[in-house]
Amino acid sequence: MKNKLDIKVIKKLYDFGGLMSYQCVYFDRVSFTVRTLPPSFNENKVKKEVEVFKARGFEASYTSTMIEFNGAFKKR
């Protein structure tokens, strides 16, 4: 089964202006450094990662970043 491009979703993303990326950040007590996990587009997944670190006694949170589109498809 081939993946189909959902034009409505793509249009909504361009109207919004970008795509949100989320990343789990935690403090590693062993190396005394702040570490980050690979970014994800799924906010719920990253929230679960943060909760796992917190349950293990780490200080953890997540950051969000908007990946802006370059304007190639921007309305004029």
N, C-alpha and C. Protein backbone atom coordinates (compact mmCIF):
# COMPACT_ATOMS: atom_id res chain seq x y z
N MET A 1 0.84 -1.17 0.00
CA MET A 1 0.00 0.00 0.00
C MET A 1 0.89 1.25 0.00
N LYS A 2 0.66 2.10 -0.96
CA LYS A 2 1.44 3.33 -1.06
C LYS A 2 0.89 4.40 -0.13
N ASN A 3 1.81 5.21 0.40
CA ASN A 3 1.38 6.36 1.20
C ASN A 3 0.86 7.44 0.27
N LYS A 4 -0.25 8.06 0.63
CA LYS A 4 -0.82 9.13 -0.17
C LYS A 4 -0.54 10.45 0.50
N LEU A 5 -0.24 11.45 -0.28
CA LEU A 5 0.00 12.79 0.22
C LEU A 5 -1.34 13.44 0.55
N ASP A 6 -1.48 13.88 1.79
CA ASP A 6 -2.72 14.51 2.23
C ASP A 6 -2.57 16.02 2.03
N ILE A 7 -3.12 16.53 0.94
CA ILE A 7 -2.98 17.93 0.57
C ILE A 7 -3.60 18.85 1.63
N LYS A 8 -4.71 18.44 2.25
CA LYS A 8 -5.34 19.28 3.26
C LYS A 8 -4.42 19.49 4.46
N VAL A 9 -3.74 18.43 4.89
CA VAL A 9 -2.82 18.54 6.02
C VAL A 9 -1.64 19.43 5.65
N ILE A 10 -1.09 19.25 4.46
CA ILE A 10 0.04 20.07 4.01
C ILE A 10 -0.37 21.54 3.94
N LYS A 11 -1.58 21.82 3.42
CA LYS A 11 -2.05 23.20 3.34
C LYS A 11 -2.19 23.82 4.73
N LYS A 12 -2.72 23.05 5.70
CA LYS A 12 -2.86 23.56 7.06
C LYS A 12 -1.50 23.86 7.68
N LEU A 13 -0.51 23.01 7.40
CA LEU A 13 0.83 23.25 7.92
C LEU A 13 1.41 24.54 7.35
N TYR A 14 1.24 24.76 6.05
CA TYR A 14 1.77 25.98 5.44
C TYR A 14 1.01 27.21 5.91
N ASP A 15 -0.29 27.08 6.13
CA ASP A 15 -1.05 28.20 6.68
C ASP A 15 -0.59 28.52 8.10
N PHE A 16 -0.25 27.49 8.87
CA PHE A 16 0.24 27.67 10.23
C PHE A 16 1.63 28.31 10.22
N GLY A 17 2.42 28.00 9.21
CA GLY A 17 3.73 28.62 9.06
C GLY A 17 4.91 27.72 9.36
N GLY A 18 4.66 26.51 9.86
CA GLY A 18 5.77 25.63 10.16
C GLY A 18 5.31 24.35 10.82
N LEU A 19 6.27 23.61 11.29
CA LEU A 19 6.01 22.32 11.91
C LEU A 19 6.65 22.33 13.29
N MET A 20 5.91 21.92 14.31
CA MET A 20 6.43 21.92 15.68
C MET A 20 7.26 20.67 15.94
N SER A 21 8.40 20.88 16.58
CA SER A 21 9.30 19.81 16.97
C SER A 21 9.48 19.86 18.49
N TYR A 22 9.53 18.69 19.13
CA TYR A 22 9.64 18.62 20.59
C TYR A 22 10.85 17.77 20.96
N GLN A 23 11.47 18.11 22.11
CA GLN A 23 12.68 17.42 22.52
C GLN A 23 12.73 17.32 24.05
N CYS A 24 13.01 16.11 24.55
CA CYS A 24 13.14 15.88 25.99
C CYS A 24 14.52 16.32 26.45
N VAL A 25 14.55 17.08 27.55
CA VAL A 25 15.80 17.59 28.12
C VAL A 25 15.87 17.12 29.57
N TYR A 26 17.01 16.54 29.96
CA TYR A 26 17.14 16.09 31.35
C TYR A 26 18.56 16.35 31.86
N PHE A 27 18.68 16.40 33.19
CA PHE A 27 19.97 16.62 33.82
C PHE A 27 20.56 15.28 34.24
N ASP A 28 21.74 14.96 33.70
CA ASP A 28 22.44 13.71 34.01
C ASP A 28 23.33 13.96 35.23
N ARG A 29 22.96 13.35 36.35
CA ARG A 29 23.71 13.56 37.60
C ARG A 29 25.09 12.93 37.58
N VAL A 30 25.30 11.91 36.75
CA VAL A 30 26.59 11.23 36.70
C VAL A 30 27.64 12.12 36.02
N SER A 31 27.31 12.62 34.84
CA SER A 31 28.26 13.46 34.10
C SER A 31 28.09 14.95 34.42
N PHE A 32 27.06 15.28 35.20
CA PHE A 32 26.75 16.66 35.58
C PHE A 32 26.56 17.55 34.35
N THR A 33 25.81 17.03 33.39
CA THR A 33 25.52 17.77 32.15
C THR A 33 24.03 17.69 31.83
N VAL A 34 23.59 18.62 31.02
CA VAL A 34 22.23 18.59 30.51
C VAL A 34 22.25 17.81 29.20
N ARG A 35 21.39 16.83 29.11
CA ARG A 35 21.32 15.97 27.93
C ARG A 35 19.99 16.17 27.22
N THR A 36 19.98 15.92 25.92
CA THR A 36 18.75 16.00 25.15
C THR A 36 18.58 14.72 24.34
N LEU A 37 17.35 14.27 24.25
CA LEU A 37 17.04 13.12 23.40
C LEU A 37 16.77 13.61 21.99
N PRO A 38 16.79 12.72 21.01
CA PRO A 38 16.50 13.14 19.64
C PRO A 38 15.12 13.80 19.54
N PRO A 39 14.99 14.81 18.68
CA PRO A 39 13.70 15.50 18.55
C PRO A 39 12.63 14.62 17.91
N SER A 40 11.37 14.99 18.17
CA SER A 40 10.24 14.26 17.63
C SER A 40 9.15 15.26 17.26
N PHE A 41 8.30 14.88 16.32
CA PHE A 41 7.15 15.70 15.97
C PHE A 41 5.93 15.33 16.83
N ASN A 42 6.07 14.29 17.65
CA ASN A 42 4.97 13.80 18.48
C ASN A 42 5.13 14.31 19.91
N GLU A 43 4.34 15.30 20.29
CA GLU A 43 4.44 15.90 21.61
C GLU A 43 4.11 14.89 22.71
N ASN A 44 3.13 14.04 22.51
CA ASN A 44 2.75 13.06 23.53
C ASN A 44 3.89 12.08 23.82
N LYS A 45 4.61 11.67 22.80
CA LYS A 45 5.75 10.77 22.97
C LYS A 45 6.82 11.42 23.85
N VAL A 46 7.10 12.68 23.59
CA VAL A 46 8.13 13.39 24.34
C VAL A 46 7.67 13.61 25.78
N LYS A 47 6.39 13.90 25.99
CA LYS A 47 5.86 14.05 27.35
C LYS A 47 6.02 12.75 28.14
N LYS A 48 5.81 11.61 27.48
CA LYS A 48 5.99 10.32 28.15
C LYS A 48 7.46 10.09 28.51
N GLU A 49 8.37 10.49 27.62
CA GLU A 49 9.80 10.36 27.91
C GLU A 49 10.17 11.19 29.14
N VAL A 50 9.62 12.40 29.23
CA VAL A 50 9.88 13.27 30.38
C VAL A 50 9.37 12.60 31.66
N GLU A 51 8.18 12.02 31.61
CA GLU A 51 7.61 11.37 32.80
C GLU A 51 8.46 10.18 33.23
N VAL A 52 9.03 9.44 32.28
CA VAL A 52 9.90 8.30 32.63
C VAL A 52 11.13 8.81 33.37
N PHE A 53 11.75 9.86 32.88
CA PHE A 53 12.93 10.41 33.56
C PHE A 53 12.57 10.94 34.95
N LYS A 54 11.45 11.61 35.06
CA LYS A 54 11.02 12.14 36.36
C LYS A 54 10.75 11.00 37.35
N ALA A 55 10.15 9.91 36.86
CA ALA A 55 9.87 8.76 37.72
C ALA A 55 11.16 8.12 38.23
N ARG A 56 12.23 8.25 37.47
CA ARG A 56 13.54 7.71 37.87
C ARG A 56 14.34 8.70 38.72
N GLY A 57 13.76 9.85 39.02
CA GLY A 57 14.40 10.81 39.89
C GLY A 57 15.24 11.87 39.20
N PHE A 58 15.13 11.97 37.89
CA PHE A 58 15.87 12.99 37.14
C PHE A 58 15.06 14.27 37.05
N GLU A 59 15.75 15.38 36.91
CA GLU A 59 15.09 16.63 36.56
C GLU A 59 14.93 16.62 35.06
N ALA A 60 13.69 16.74 34.58
CA ALA A 60 13.45 16.66 33.14
C ALA A 60 12.32 17.59 32.73
N SER A 61 12.39 18.02 31.48
CA SER A 61 11.32 18.83 30.88
C SER A 61 11.44 18.64 29.38
N TYR A 62 10.61 19.37 28.63
CA TYR A 62 10.74 19.30 27.17
C TYR A 62 10.68 20.70 26.58
N THR A 63 11.29 20.82 25.41
CA THR A 63 11.29 22.09 24.70
C THR A 63 10.53 21.90 23.39
N SER A 64 10.02 23.00 22.88
CA SER A 64 9.35 22.97 21.58
C SER A 64 9.98 24.02 20.68
N THR A 65 10.10 23.66 19.43
CA THR A 65 10.69 24.54 18.44
C THR A 65 9.84 24.49 17.17
N MET A 66 9.59 25.66 16.59
CA MET A 66 8.88 25.66 15.32
C MET A 66 9.89 25.63 14.19
N ILE A 67 9.74 24.66 13.31
CA ILE A 67 10.56 24.59 12.11
C ILE A 67 9.80 25.35 11.04
N GLU A 68 10.25 26.57 10.78
CA GLU A 68 9.54 27.44 9.85
C GLU A 68 9.81 27.02 8.42
N PHE A 69 8.80 27.16 7.60
CA PHE A 69 8.96 26.89 6.18
C PHE A 69 9.68 28.06 5.53
N ASN A 70 10.34 27.80 4.43
CA ASN A 70 11.18 28.82 3.80
C ASN A 70 10.40 29.84 2.99
N GLY A 71 9.09 29.75 2.97
CA GLY A 71 8.28 30.73 2.24
C GLY A 71 8.08 30.43 0.78
N ALA A 72 8.58 29.31 0.31
CA ALA A 72 8.44 28.97 -1.11
C ALA A 72 6.97 28.81 -1.51
N PHE A 73 6.13 28.40 -0.57
CA PHE A 73 4.73 28.20 -0.88
C PHE A 73 3.83 29.23 -0.21
N LYS A 74 4.43 30.29 0.29
CA LYS A 74 3.69 31.31 1.01
C LYS A 74 2.75 32.07 0.08
N LYS A 75 1.57 32.43 0.59
CA LYS A 75 0.62 33.20 -0.20
C LYS A 75 1.19 34.61 -0.41
N ARG A 76 0.94 35.15 -1.57
CA ARG A 76 1.44 36.51 -1.87
C ARG A 76 0.31 37.49 -1.88
